PDB file of N, CA and C in Angstrom:
ATOM      1  N   MET A   1     -14.699   9.719  84.904  1.00  0.00           N
ATOM      2  CA  MET A   1     -14.254  10.815  84.090  1.00  0.00           C
ATOM      3  C   MET A   1     -15.352  11.869  84.082  1.00  0.00           C
ATOM      4  N   ASP A   2     -14.982  13.114  84.380  1.00  0.00           N
ATOM      5  CA  ASP A   2     -15.923  14.224  84.345  1.00  0.00           C
ATOM      6  C   ASP A   2     -15.905  14.870  82.975  1.00  0.00           C
ATOM      7  N   VAL A   3     -17.072  15.175  82.453  1.00  0.00           N
ATOM      8  CA  VAL A   3     -17.193  15.850  81.168  1.00  0.00           C
ATOM      9  C   VAL A   3     -17.829  17.203  81.426  1.00  0.00           C
ATOM     10  N   VAL A   4     -17.191  18.247  80.952  1.00  0.00           N
ATOM     11  CA  VAL A   4     -17.734  19.591  81.089  1.00  0.00           C
ATOM     12  C   VAL A   4     -18.505  19.910  79.826  1.00  0.00           C
ATOM     13  N   LYS A   5     -19.767  20.268  79.972  1.00  0.00           N
ATOM     14  CA  LYS A   5     -20.592  20.615  78.815  1.00  0.00           C
ATOM     15  C   LYS A   5     -20.536  22.112  78.602  1.00  0.00           C
ATOM     16  N   LEU A   6     -20.159  22.495  77.406  1.00  0.00           N
ATOM     17  CA  LEU A   6     -20.109  23.900  77.041  1.00  0.00           C
ATOM     18  C   LEU A   6     -21.409  24.265  76.353  1.00  0.00           C
ATOM     19  N   SER A   7     -21.857  25.498  76.529  1.00  0.00           N
ATOM     20  CA  SER A   7     -23.104  25.902  75.889  1.00  0.00           C
ATOM     21  C   SER A   7     -22.907  27.237  75.183  1.00  0.00           C
ATOM     22  N   GLY A   8     -23.894  27.590  74.402  1.00  0.00           N
ATOM     23  CA  GLY A   8     -23.833  28.838  73.666  1.00  0.00           C
ATOM     24  C   GLY A   8     -23.273  28.619  72.276  1.00  0.00           C
ATOM     25  N   GLY A   9     -23.309  29.659  71.445  1.00  0.00           N
ATOM     26  CA  GLY A   9     -22.775  29.546  70.091  1.00  0.00           C
ATOM     27  C   GLY A   9     -23.653  28.665  69.222  1.00  0.00           C
ATOM     28  N   PRO A  10     -23.145  28.321  68.031  1.00  0.00           N
ATOM     29  CA  PRO A  10     -23.947  27.561  67.079  1.00  0.00           C
ATOM     30  C   PRO A  10     -24.043  26.079  67.419  1.00  0.00           C
ATOM     31  N   GLY A  11     -23.336  25.624  68.408  1.00  0.00           N
ATOM     32  CA  GLY A  11     -23.357  24.218  68.790  1.00  0.00           C
ATOM     33  C   GLY A  11     -21.981  23.602  68.639  1.00  0.00           C
ATOM     34  N   PHE A  12     -21.840  22.421  69.197  1.00  0.00           N
ATOM     35  CA  PHE A  12     -20.548  21.749  69.204  1.00  0.00           C
ATOM     36  C   PHE A  12     -20.650  20.392  68.527  1.00  0.00           C
ATOM     37  N   ILE A  13     -19.791  20.181  67.519  1.00  0.00           N
ATOM     38  CA  ILE A  13     -19.737  18.870  66.883  1.00  0.00           C
ATOM     39  C   ILE A  13     -19.160  17.888  67.891  1.00  0.00           C
ATOM     40  N   PRO A  14     -19.409  16.596  67.708  1.00  0.00           N
ATOM     41  CA  PRO A  14     -18.851  15.618  68.638  1.00  0.00           C
ATOM     42  C   PRO A  14     -17.321  15.603  68.574  1.00  0.00           C
ATOM     43  N   GLY A  15     -16.732  15.256  69.676  1.00  0.00           N
ATOM     44  CA  GLY A  15     -15.284  15.073  69.762  1.00  0.00           C
ATOM     45  C   GLY A  15     -15.003  13.919  70.698  1.00  0.00           C
ATOM     46  N   PHE A  16     -13.894  13.246  70.494  1.00  0.00           N
ATOM     47  CA  PHE A  16     -13.561  12.075  71.309  1.00  0.00           C
ATOM     48  C   PHE A  16     -12.742  12.461  72.537  1.00  0.00           C
ATOM     49  N   LEU A  17     -13.172  11.966  73.680  1.00  0.00           N
ATOM     50  CA  LEU A  17     -12.409  12.065  74.918  1.00  0.00           C
ATOM     51  C   LEU A  17     -11.593  10.793  75.113  1.00  0.00           C
ATOM     52  N   LEU A  18     -12.089   9.691  74.551  1.00  0.00           N
ATOM     53  CA  LEU A  18     -11.416   8.390  74.626  1.00  0.00           C
ATOM     54  C   LEU A  18     -11.631   7.679  73.301  1.00  0.00           C
ATOM     55  N   GLN A  19     -10.533   7.294  72.639  1.00  0.00           N
ATOM     56  CA  GLN A  19     -10.588   6.563  71.372  1.00  0.00           C
ATOM     57  C   GLN A  19     -10.630   5.058  71.653  1.00  0.00           C
ATOM     58  N   PRO A  20     -11.129   4.248  70.709  1.00  0.00           N
ATOM     59  CA  PRO A  20     -11.129   2.797  70.921  1.00  0.00           C
ATOM     60  C   PRO A  20      -9.699   2.255  70.881  1.00  0.00           C
ATOM     61  N   ALA A  21      -9.440   1.218  71.670  1.00  0.00           N
ATOM     62  CA  ALA A  21      -8.098   0.624  71.760  1.00  0.00           C
ATOM     63  C   ALA A  21      -8.030  -0.674  70.966  1.00  0.00           C
ATOM     64  N   ASP A  22      -6.838  -0.965  70.431  1.00  0.00           N
ATOM     65  CA  ASP A  22      -6.617  -2.240  69.749  1.00  0.00           C
ATOM     66  C   ASP A  22      -6.890  -3.396  70.703  1.00  0.00           C
ATOM     67  N   GLN A  23      -7.364  -4.516  70.134  1.00  0.00           N
ATOM     68  CA  GLN A  23      -7.698  -5.709  70.931  1.00  0.00           C
ATOM     69  C   GLN A  23      -7.157  -6.937  70.225  1.00  0.00           C
ATOM     70  N   SER A  24      -6.962  -8.009  70.972  1.00  0.00           N
ATOM     71  CA  SER A  24      -6.645  -9.309  70.371  1.00  0.00           C
ATOM     72  C   SER A  24      -7.421 -10.376  71.126  1.00  0.00           C
ATOM     73  N   THR A  25      -7.775 -11.440  70.413  1.00  0.00           N
ATOM     74  CA  THR A  25      -8.579 -12.495  71.016  1.00  0.00           C
ATOM     75  C   THR A  25      -8.341 -13.816  70.301  1.00  0.00           C
ATOM     76  N   PRO A  26      -8.439 -14.907  71.044  1.00  0.00           N
ATOM     77  CA  PRO A  26      -8.428 -16.217  70.387  1.00  0.00           C
ATOM     78  C   PRO A  26      -9.831 -16.540  69.889  1.00  0.00           C
ATOM     79  N   ARG A  27      -9.941 -17.591  69.091  1.00  0.00           N
ATOM     80  CA  ARG A  27     -11.260 -18.046  68.632  1.00  0.00           C
ATOM     81  C   ARG A  27     -12.145 -18.315  69.850  1.00  0.00           C
ATOM     82  N   GLY A  28     -13.358 -17.830  69.780  1.00  0.00           N
ATOM     83  CA  GLY A  28     -14.316 -18.042  70.859  1.00  0.00           C
ATOM     84  C   GLY A  28     -14.241 -17.023  71.972  1.00  0.00           C
ATOM     85  N   GLY A  29     -13.247 -16.141  71.940  1.00  0.00           N
ATOM     86  CA  GLY A  29     -13.120 -15.111  72.967  1.00  0.00           C
ATOM     87  C   GLY A  29     -14.105 -13.977  72.751  1.00  0.00           C
ATOM     88  N   SER A  30     -14.090 -13.023  73.666  1.00  0.00           N
ATOM     89  CA  SER A  30     -14.944 -11.833  73.560  1.00  0.00           C
ATOM     90  C   SER A  30     -14.082 -10.588  73.646  1.00  0.00           C
ATOM     91  N   VAL A  31     -14.496  -9.548  72.956  1.00  0.00           N
ATOM     92  CA  VAL A  31     -13.808  -8.256  73.022  1.00  0.00           C
ATOM     93  C   VAL A  31     -14.833  -7.148  73.189  1.00  0.00           C
ATOM     94  N   THR A  32     -14.377  -6.049  73.788  1.00  0.00           N
ATOM     95  CA  THR A  32     -15.218  -4.875  73.943  1.00  0.00           C
ATOM     96  C   THR A  32     -14.417  -3.648  73.550  1.00  0.00           C
ATOM     97  N   PHE A  33     -14.968  -2.868  72.644  1.00  0.00           N
ATOM     98  CA  PHE A  33     -14.403  -1.577  72.254  1.00  0.00           C
ATOM     99  C   PHE A  33     -15.250  -0.493  72.914  1.00  0.00           C
ATOM    100  N   ARG A  34     -14.577   0.523  73.483  1.00  0.00           N
ATOM    101  CA  ARG A  34     -15.294   1.619  74.145  1.00  0.00           C
ATOM    102  C   ARG A  34     -14.762   2.957  73.653  1.00  0.00           C
ATOM    103  N   VAL A  35     -15.652   3.932  73.596  1.00  0.00           N
ATOM    104  CA  VAL A  35     -15.259   5.313  73.333  1.00  0.00           C
ATOM    105  C   VAL A  35     -15.997   6.214  74.305  1.00  0.00           C
ATOM    106  N   ALA A  36     -15.453   7.399  74.479  1.00  0.00           N
ATOM    107  CA  ALA A  36     -16.156   8.460  75.205  1.00  0.00           C
ATOM    108  C   ALA A  36     -16.136   9.672  74.284  1.00  0.00           C
ATOM    109  N   ALA A  37     -17.299  10.280  74.113  1.00  0.00           N
ATOM    110  CA  ALA A  37     -17.419  11.434  73.220  1.00  0.00           C
ATOM    111  C   ALA A  37     -18.184  12.547  73.923  1.00  0.00           C
ATOM    112  N   ALA A  38     -17.946  13.754  73.469  1.00  0.00           N
ATOM    113  CA  ALA A  38     -18.665  14.920  73.982  1.00  0.00           C
ATOM    114  C   ALA A  38     -19.108  15.762  72.799  1.00  0.00           C
ATOM    115  N   GLY A  39     -20.105  16.566  73.026  1.00  0.00           N
ATOM    116  CA  GLY A  39     -20.657  17.445  71.996  1.00  0.00           C
ATOM    117  C   GLY A  39     -22.111  17.697  72.320  1.00  0.00           C
ATOM    118  N   ASP A  40     -22.760  18.514  71.527  1.00  0.00           N
ATOM    119  CA  ASP A  40     -24.178  18.765  71.766  1.00  0.00           C
ATOM    120  C   ASP A  40     -24.942  17.453  71.697  1.00  0.00           C
ATOM    121  N   GLU A  41     -25.814  17.258  72.661  1.00  0.00           N
ATOM    122  CA  GLU A  41     -26.623  16.033  72.698  1.00  0.00           C
ATOM    123  C   GLU A  41     -27.917  16.257  71.932  1.00  0.00           C
ATOM    124  N   PRO A  42     -28.531  15.183  71.458  1.00  0.00           N
ATOM    125  CA  PRO A  42     -28.114  13.788  71.650  1.00  0.00           C
ATOM    126  C   PRO A  42     -26.982  13.393  70.710  1.00  0.00           C
ATOM    127  N   LEU A  43     -26.144  12.477  71.195  1.00  0.00           N
ATOM    128  CA  LEU A  43     -25.082  11.894  70.386  1.00  0.00           C
ATOM    129  C   LEU A  43     -25.556  10.540  69.877  1.00  0.00           C
ATOM    130  N   HIS A  44     -25.293  10.260  68.616  1.00  0.00           N
ATOM    131  CA  HIS A  44     -25.661   8.985  67.999  1.00  0.00           C
ATOM    132  C   HIS A  44     -24.383   8.270  67.578  1.00  0.00           C
ATOM    133  N   TYR A  45     -24.330   6.963  67.838  1.00  0.00           N
ATOM    134  CA  TYR A  45     -23.140   6.161  67.569  1.00  0.00           C
ATOM    135  C   TYR A  45     -23.439   5.116  66.498  1.00  0.00           C
ATOM    136  N   GLN A  46     -22.452   4.875  65.636  1.00  0.00           N
ATOM    137  CA  GLN A  46     -22.539   3.784  64.659  1.00  0.00           C
ATOM    138  C   GLN A  46     -21.156   3.160  64.508  1.00  0.00           C
ATOM    139  N   TRP A  47     -21.045   1.905  64.975  1.00  0.00           N
ATOM    140  CA  TRP A  47     -19.778   1.179  64.846  1.00  0.00           C
ATOM    141  C   TRP A  47     -19.662   0.599  63.453  1.00  0.00           C
ATOM    142  N   ARG A  48     -18.407   0.538  62.965  1.00  0.00           N
ATOM    143  CA  ARG A  48     -18.132   0.023  61.632  1.00  0.00           C
ATOM    144  C   ARG A  48     -16.948  -0.938  61.703  1.00  0.00           C
ATOM    145  N   LYS A  49     -16.962  -1.936  60.825  1.00  0.00           N
ATOM    146  CA  LYS A  49     -15.822  -2.835  60.658  1.00  0.00           C
ATOM    147  C   LYS A  49     -15.384  -2.732  59.213  1.00  0.00           C
ATOM    148  N   ASP A  50     -14.112  -2.403  59.029  1.00  0.00           N
ATOM    149  CA  ASP A  50     -13.571  -2.269  57.674  1.00  0.00           C
ATOM    150  C   ASP A  50     -14.479  -1.406  56.794  1.00  0.00           C
ATOM    151  N   ALA A  51     -14.921  -0.264  57.338  1.00  0.00           N
ATOM    152  CA  ALA A  51     -15.729   0.749  56.641  1.00  0.00           C
ATOM    153  C   ALA A  51     -17.166   0.316  56.344  1.00  0.00           C
ATOM    154  N   ARG A  52     -17.644  -0.757  56.985  1.00  0.00           N
ATOM    155  CA  ARG A  52     -19.047  -1.187  56.807  1.00  0.00           C
ATOM    156  C   ARG A  52     -19.774  -1.125  58.140  1.00  0.00           C
ATOM    157  N   ASP A  53     -20.988  -0.534  58.106  1.00  0.00           N
ATOM    158  CA  ASP A  53     -21.784  -0.413  59.326  1.00  0.00           C
ATOM    159  C   ASP A  53     -22.086  -1.785  59.916  1.00  0.00           C
ATOM    160  N   LEU A  54     -22.022  -1.861  61.249  1.00  0.00           N
ATOM    161  CA  LEU A  54     -22.375  -3.085  61.967  1.00  0.00           C
ATOM    162  C   LEU A  54     -23.791  -2.968  62.499  1.00  0.00           C
ATOM    163  N   THR A  55     -24.447  -4.108  62.674  1.00  0.00           N
ATOM    164  CA  THR A  55     -25.746  -4.173  63.336  1.00  0.00           C
ATOM    165  C   THR A  55     -25.671  -5.242  64.415  1.00  0.00           C
ATOM    166  N   ASP A  56     -26.513  -5.108  65.419  1.00  0.00           N
ATOM    167  CA  ASP A  56     -26.553  -6.101  66.487  1.00  0.00           C
ATOM    168  C   ASP A  56     -27.090  -7.424  65.959  1.00  0.00           C
ATOM    169  N   ASP A  57     -26.523  -8.505  66.464  1.00  0.00           N
ATOM    170  CA  ASP A  57     -27.022  -9.844  66.159  1.00  0.00           C
ATOM    171  C   ASP A  57     -26.726 -10.729  67.366  1.00  0.00           C
ATOM    172  N   ARG A  58     -26.701 -12.029  67.188  1.00  0.00           N
ATOM    173  CA  ARG A  58     -26.514 -12.924  68.346  1.00  0.00           C
ATOM    174  C   ARG A  58     -25.119 -12.822  68.947  1.00  0.00           C
ATOM    175  N   ARG A  59     -24.124 -12.316  68.190  1.00  0.00           N
ATOM    176  CA  ARG A  59     -22.762 -12.189  68.717  1.00  0.00           C
ATOM    177  C   ARG A  59     -22.320 -10.744  68.931  1.00  0.00           C
ATOM    178  N   ILE A  60     -22.946  -9.805  68.246  1.00  0.00           N
ATOM    179  CA  ILE A  60     -22.555  -8.396  68.305  1.00  0.00           C
ATOM    180  C   ILE A  60     -23.627  -7.605  69.033  1.00  0.00           C
ATOM    181  N   SER A  61     -23.189  -6.815  70.024  1.00  0.00           N
ATOM    182  CA  SER A  61     -24.132  -5.944  70.727  1.00  0.00           C
ATOM    183  C   SER A  61     -23.504  -4.563  70.901  1.00  0.00           C
ATOM    184  N   GLY A  62     -24.345  -3.550  70.932  1.00  0.00           N
ATOM    185  CA  GLY A  62     -23.897  -2.187  71.134  1.00  0.00           C
ATOM    186  C   GLY A  62     -23.462  -1.470  69.879  1.00  0.00           C
ATOM    187  N   SER A  63     -23.878  -1.935  68.703  1.00  0.00           N
ATOM    188  CA  SER A  63     -23.439  -1.318  67.452  1.00  0.00           C
ATOM    189  C   SER A  63     -23.899   0.135  67.316  1.00  0.00           C
ATOM    190  N   ALA A  64     -24.885   0.549  68.102  1.00  0.00           N
ATOM    191  CA  ALA A  64     -25.372   1.933  68.072  1.00  0.00           C
ATOM    192  C   ALA A  64     -25.186   2.606  69.433  1.00  0.00           C
ATOM    193  N   SER A  65     -24.125   2.208  70.152  1.00  0.00           N
ATOM    194  CA  SER A  65     -23.833   2.792  71.462  1.00  0.00           C
ATOM    195  C   SER A  65     -22.345   3.107  71.559  1.00  0.00           C
ATOM    196  N   ASN A  66     -21.912   3.612  72.693  1.00  0.00           N
ATOM    197  CA  ASN A  66     -20.491   3.933  72.855  1.00  0.00           C
ATOM    198  C   ASN A  66     -19.641   2.705  73.195  1.00  0.00           C
ATOM    199  N   THR A  67     -20.281   1.545  73.378  1.00  0.00           N
ATOM    200  CA  THR A  67     -19.571   0.310  73.726  1.00  0.00           C
ATOM    201  C   THR A  67     -20.010  -0.814  72.808  1.00  0.00           C
ATOM    202  N   LEU A  68     -19.062  -1.363  72.062  1.00  0.00           N
ATOM    203  CA  LEU A  68     -19.327  -2.468  71.141  1.00  0.00           C
ATOM    204  C   LEU A  68     -18.725  -3.743  71.727  1.00  0.00           C
ATOM    205  N   THR A  69     -19.528  -4.799  71.819  1.00  0.00           N
ATOM    206  CA  THR A  69     -19.045  -6.089  72.304  1.00  0.00           C
ATOM    207  C   THR A  69     -19.261  -7.140  71.230  1.00  0.00           C
ATOM    208  N   ILE A  70     -18.215  -7.934  71.011  1.00  0.00           N
ATOM    209  CA  ILE A  70     -18.285  -9.058  70.074  1.00  0.00           C
ATOM    210  C   ILE A  70     -17.986 -10.316  70.876  1.00  0.00           C
ATOM    211  N   ALA A  71     -18.938 -11.230  70.907  1.00  0.00           N
ATOM    212  CA  ALA A  71     -18.791 -12.485  71.642  1.00  0.00           C
ATOM    213  C   ALA A  71     -18.469 -13.612  70.674  1.00  0.00           C
ATOM    214  N   ASN A  72     -17.879 -14.670  71.201  1.00  0.00           N
ATOM    215  CA  ASN A  72     -17.580 -15.860  70.403  1.00  0.00           C
ATOM    216  C   ASN A  72     -16.867 -15.479  69.096  1.00  0.00           C
ATOM    217  N   CYS A  73     -15.755 -14.753  69.236  1.00  0.00           N
ATOM    218  CA  CYS A  73     -15.040 -14.213  68.067  1.00  0.00           C
ATOM    219  C   CYS A  73     -14.565 -15.298  67.111  1.00  0.00           C
ATOM    220  N   LEU A  74     -14.609 -14.945  65.840  1.00  0.00           N
ATOM    221  CA  LEU A  74     -14.173 -15.803  64.745  1.00  0.00           C
ATOM    222  C   LEU A  74     -13.034 -15.114  64.001  1.00  0.00           C
ATOM    223  N   LEU A  75     -12.314 -15.852  63.187  1.00  0.00           N
ATOM    224  CA  LEU A  75     -11.250 -15.284  62.373  1.00  0.00           C
ATOM    225  C   LEU A  75     -11.778 -14.135  61.515  1.00  0.00           C
ATOM    226  N   ALA A  76     -12.994 -14.265  61.013  1.00  0.00           N
ATOM    227  CA  ALA A  76     -13.596 -13.234  60.162  1.00  0.00           C
ATOM    228  C   ALA A  76     -13.832 -11.914  60.900  1.00  0.00           C
ATOM    229  N   ASP A  77     -13.793 -11.921  62.232  1.00  0.00           N
ATOM    230  CA  ASP A  77     -13.993 -10.692  63.006  1.00  0.00           C
ATOM    231  C   ASP A  77     -12.745  -9.816  63.039  1.00  0.00           C
ATOM    232  N   ALA A  78     -11.595 -10.355  62.671  1.00  0.00           N
ATOM    233  CA  ALA A  78     -10.363  -9.560  62.663  1.00  0.00           C
ATOM    234  C   ALA A  78     -10.504  -8.426  61.660  1.00  0.00           C
ATOM    235  N   GLY A  79      -9.977  -7.256  61.998  1.00  0.00           N
ATOM    236  CA  GLY A  79     -10.045  -6.113  61.097  1.00  0.00           C
ATOM    237  C   GLY A  79      -9.970  -4.813  61.858  1.00  0.00           C
ATOM    238  N   ASP A  80     -10.314  -3.732  61.174  1.00  0.00           N
ATOM    239  CA  ASP A  80     -10.281  -2.395  61.752  1.00  0.00           C
ATOM    240  C   ASP A  80     -11.692  -1.949  62.123  1.00  0.00           C
ATOM    241  N   TYR A  81     -11.846  -1.501  63.372  1.00  0.00           N
ATOM    242  CA  TYR A  81     -13.134  -1.051  63.891  1.00  0.00           C
ATOM    243  C   TYR A  81     -13.069   0.450  64.179  1.00  0.00           C
ATOM    244  N   THR A  82     -14.083   1.169  63.725  1.00  0.00           N
ATOM    245  CA  THR A  82     -14.223   2.591  64.010  1.00  0.00           C
ATOM    246  C   THR A  82     -15.653   2.845  64.463  1.00  0.00           C
ATOM    247  N   VAL A  83     -15.867   4.018  65.038  1.00  0.00           N
ATOM    248  CA  VAL A  83     -17.218   4.437  65.381  1.00  0.00           C
ATOM    249  C   VAL A  83     -17.406   5.861  64.889  1.00  0.00           C
ATOM    250  N   VAL A  84     -18.568   6.111  64.292  1.00  0.00           N
ATOM    251  CA  VAL A  84     -18.943   7.453  63.861  1.00  0.00           C
ATOM    252  C   VAL A  84     -19.916   8.000  64.900  1.00  0.00           C
ATOM    253  N   VAL A  85     -19.598   9.180  65.430  1.00  0.00           N
ATOM    254  CA  VAL A  85     -20.472   9.845  66.401  1.00  0.00           C
ATOM    255  C   VAL A  85     -21.052  11.072  65.710  1.00  0.00           C
ATOM    256  N   THR A  86     -22.385  11.176  65.773  1.00  0.00           N
ATOM    257  CA  THR A  86     -23.106  12.220  65.050  1.00  0.00           C
ATOM    258  C   THR A  86     -24.035  12.967  65.997  1.00  0.00           C
ATOM    259  N   ASN A  87     -24.184  14.260  65.761  1.00  0.00           N
ATOM    260  CA  ASN A  87     -25.234  15.039  66.411  1.00  0.00           C
ATOM    261  C   ASN A  87     -25.793  16.013  65.378  1.00  0.00           C
ATOM    262  N   ALA A  88     -26.638  16.931  65.806  1.00  0.00           N
ATOM    263  CA  ALA A  88     -27.280  17.849  64.863  1.00  0.00           C
ATOM    264  C   ALA A  88     -26.287  18.795  64.191  1.00  0.00           C
ATOM    265  N   VAL A  89     -25.093  18.943  64.753  1.00  0.00           N
ATOM    266  CA  VAL A  89     -24.116  19.882  64.234  1.00  0.00           C
ATOM    267  C   VAL A  89     -23.161  19.234  63.238  1.00  0.00           C
ATOM    268  N   GLY A  90     -22.873  17.945  63.422  1.00  0.00           N
ATOM    269  CA  GLY A  90     -21.933  17.279  62.524  1.00  0.00           C
ATOM    270  C   GLY A  90     -21.587  15.878  62.996  1.00  0.00           C
ATOM    271  N   SER A  91     -20.505  15.331  62.459  1.00  0.00           N
ATOM    272  CA  SER A  91     -20.093  13.973  62.836  1.00  0.00           C
ATOM    273  C   SER A  91     -18.575  13.876  62.833  1.00  0.00           C
ATOM    274  N   VAL A  92     -18.069  12.860  63.514  1.00  0.00           N
ATOM    275  CA  VAL A  92     -16.643  12.595  63.580  1.00  0.00           C
ATOM    276  C   VAL A  92     -16.451  11.085  63.664  1.00  0.00           C
ATOM    277  N   GLU A  93     -15.388  10.582  63.021  1.00  0.00           N
ATOM    278  CA  GLU A  93     -15.094   9.153  63.055  1.00  0.00           C
ATOM    279  C   GLU A  93     -13.839   8.934  63.885  1.00  0.00           C
ATOM    280  N   SER A  94     -13.854   7.884  64.688  1.00  0.00           N
ATOM    281  CA  SER A  94     -12.715   7.562  65.539  1.00  0.00           C
ATOM    282  C   SER A  94     -11.531   7.071  64.715  1.00  0.00           C
ATOM    283  N   ARG A  95     -10.402   6.972  65.357  1.00  0.00           N
ATOM    284  CA  ARG A  95      -9.267   6.314  64.730  1.00  0.00           C
ATOM    285  C   ARG A  95      -9.578   4.832  64.680  1.00  0.00           C
ATOM    286  N   PRO A  96      -8.989   4.084  63.757  1.00  0.00           N
ATOM    287  CA  PRO A  96      -9.256   2.635  63.694  1.00  0.00           C
ATOM    288  C   PRO A  96      -8.632   1.912  64.893  1.00  0.00           C
ATOM    289  N   ALA A  97      -9.377   0.977  65.427  1.00  0.00           N
ATOM    290  CA  ALA A  97      -8.867   0.061  66.449  1.00  0.00           C
ATOM    291  C   ALA A  97      -8.795  -1.310  65.798  1.00  0.00           C
ATOM    292  N   LYS A  98      -7.651  -1.924  65.863  1.00  0.00           N
ATOM    293  CA  LYS A  98      -7.435  -3.205  65.183  1.00  0.00           C
ATOM    294  C   LYS A  98      -7.808  -4.366  66.101  1.00  0.00           C
ATOM    295  N   LEU A  99      -8.627  -5.277  65.567  1.00  0.00           N
ATOM    296  CA  LEU A  99      -8.908  -6.535  66.257  1.00  0.00           C
ATOM    297  C   LEU A  99      -8.055  -7.605  65.581  1.00  0.00           C
ATOM    298  N   THR A 100      -7.190  -8.215  66.372  1.00  0.00           N
ATOM    299  CA  THR A 100      -6.282  -9.248  65.880  1.00  0.00           C
ATOM    300  C   THR A 100      -6.704 -10.590  66.442  1.00  0.00           C
ATOM    301  N   TYR A 101      -6.748 -11.566  65.566  1.00  0.00           N
ATOM    302  CA  TYR A 101      -7.091 -12.940  65.942  1.00  0.00           C
ATOM    303  C   TYR A 101      -5.785 -13.645  66.292  1.00  0.00           C
ATOM    304  N   VAL A 102      -5.743 -14.287  67.460  1.00  0.00           N
ATOM    305  CA  VAL A 102      -4.532 -15.004  67.866  1.00  0.00           C
ATOM    306  C   VAL A 102      -4.840 -16.490  68.000  1.00  0.00           C
ATOM    307  N   GLU A 103      -3.953 -17.293  67.470  1.00  0.00           N
ATOM    308  CA  GLU A 103      -4.068 -18.746  67.597  1.00  0.00           C
ATOM    309  C   GLU A 103      -3.436 -19.165  68.922  1.00  0.00           C
ATOM    310  N   ILE A 104      -4.098 -20.042  69.610  1.00  0.00           N
ATOM    311  CA  ILE A 104      -3.536 -20.612  70.833  1.00  0.00           C
ATOM    312  C   ILE A 104      -3.235 -22.064  70.546  1.00  0.00           C
ATOM    313  N   ALA A 105      -1.972 -22.418  70.758  1.00  0.00           N
ATOM    314  CA  ALA A 105      -1.563 -23.800  70.504  1.00  0.00           C
ATOM    315  C   ALA A 105      -2.244 -24.720  71.504  1.00  0.00           C
ATOM    316  N   PRO A 106      -2.650 -25.907  71.049  1.00  0.00           N
ATOM    317  CA  PRO A 106      -3.265 -26.851  71.971  1.00  0.00           C
ATOM    318  C   PRO A 106      -2.275 -27.244  73.065  1.00  0.00           C
ATOM    319  N   LEU A 107      -2.796 -27.490  74.223  1.00  0.00           N
ATOM    320  CA  LEU A 107      -1.974 -27.892  75.358  1.00  0.00           C
ATOM    321  C   LEU A 107      -1.577 -29.358  75.198  1.00  0.00           C
ATOM    322  N   ALA A 108      -0.299 -29.600  75.262  1.00  0.00           N
ATOM    323  CA  ALA A 108       0.193 -30.980  75.167  1.00  0.00           C
ATOM    324  C   ALA A 108       0.398 -31.513  76.576  1.00  0.00           C
ATOM    325  N   ILE A 109      -0.162 -32.668  76.822  1.00  0.00           N
ATOM    326  CA  ILE A 109      -0.016 -33.305  78.133  1.00  0.00           C
ATOM    327  C   ILE A 109       0.876 -34.521  77.966  1.00  0.00           C
ATOM    328  N   ARG A 110       1.876 -34.579  78.781  1.00  0.00           N
ATOM    329  CA  ARG A 110       2.809 -35.691  78.719  1.00  0.00           C
ATOM    330  C   ARG A 110       2.502 -36.641  79.861  1.00  0.00           C
ATOM    331  N   LEU A 111       2.290 -37.894  79.499  1.00  0.00           N
ATOM    332  CA  LEU A 111       2.024 -38.898  80.522  1.00  0.00           C
ATOM    333  C   LEU A 111       3.347 -39.372  81.108  1.00  0.00           C
ATOM    334  N   VAL A 112       3.391 -39.376  82.414  1.00  0.00           N
ATOM    335  CA  VAL A 112       4.582 -39.846  83.120  1.00  0.00           C
ATOM    336  C   VAL A 112       4.130 -40.973  84.031  1.00  0.00           C
ATOM    337  N   GLY A 113       4.639 -42.144  83.779  1.00  0.00           N
ATOM    338  CA  GLY A 113       4.272 -43.284  84.612  1.00  0.00           C
ATOM    339  C   GLY A 113       2.801 -43.636  84.512  1.00  0.00           C
ATOM    340  N   GLY A 114       2.158 -43.290  83.369  1.00  0.00           N
ATOM    341  CA  GLY A 114       0.765 -43.658  83.172  1.00  0.00           C
ATOM    342  C   GLY A 114      -0.222 -42.739  83.858  1.00  0.00           C
ATOM    343  N   HIS A 115       0.241 -41.650  84.485  1.00  0.00           N
ATOM    344  CA  HIS A 115      -0.654 -40.708  85.170  1.00  0.00           C
ATOM    345  C   HIS A 115      -0.578 -39.344  84.484  1.00  0.00           C
ATOM    346  N   VAL A 116      -1.700 -38.632  84.505  1.00  0.00           N
ATOM    347  CA  VAL A 116      -1.740 -37.285  83.951  1.00  0.00           C
ATOM    348  C   VAL A 116      -1.284 -36.309  85.004  1.00  0.00           C
TER     349      VAL A 116
END
């Protein structure tokens, strides 16, 4: 994707070229939310879950970048994710992207003639 940078004037607040997309995952899965933004640089990113700022830890990475990854997802990770993009001129928050937790039924194996 090509981004055209405009110059001049009092500056440009950030704007989204790509919003985060809804995701679903089973327990233990991984998800990645991505955005693309433009505006006067530098751009600063802050991902949020249910209106609370996220920080990187052993399962979450990229909380201050345009790409947020959550590994080894848990039921508690389900919710609405947004990102706030800020520069010297102002800030903008993305639309919410919903992370849905999906249960996967255990695989049933039927023995036929004593063999799997």
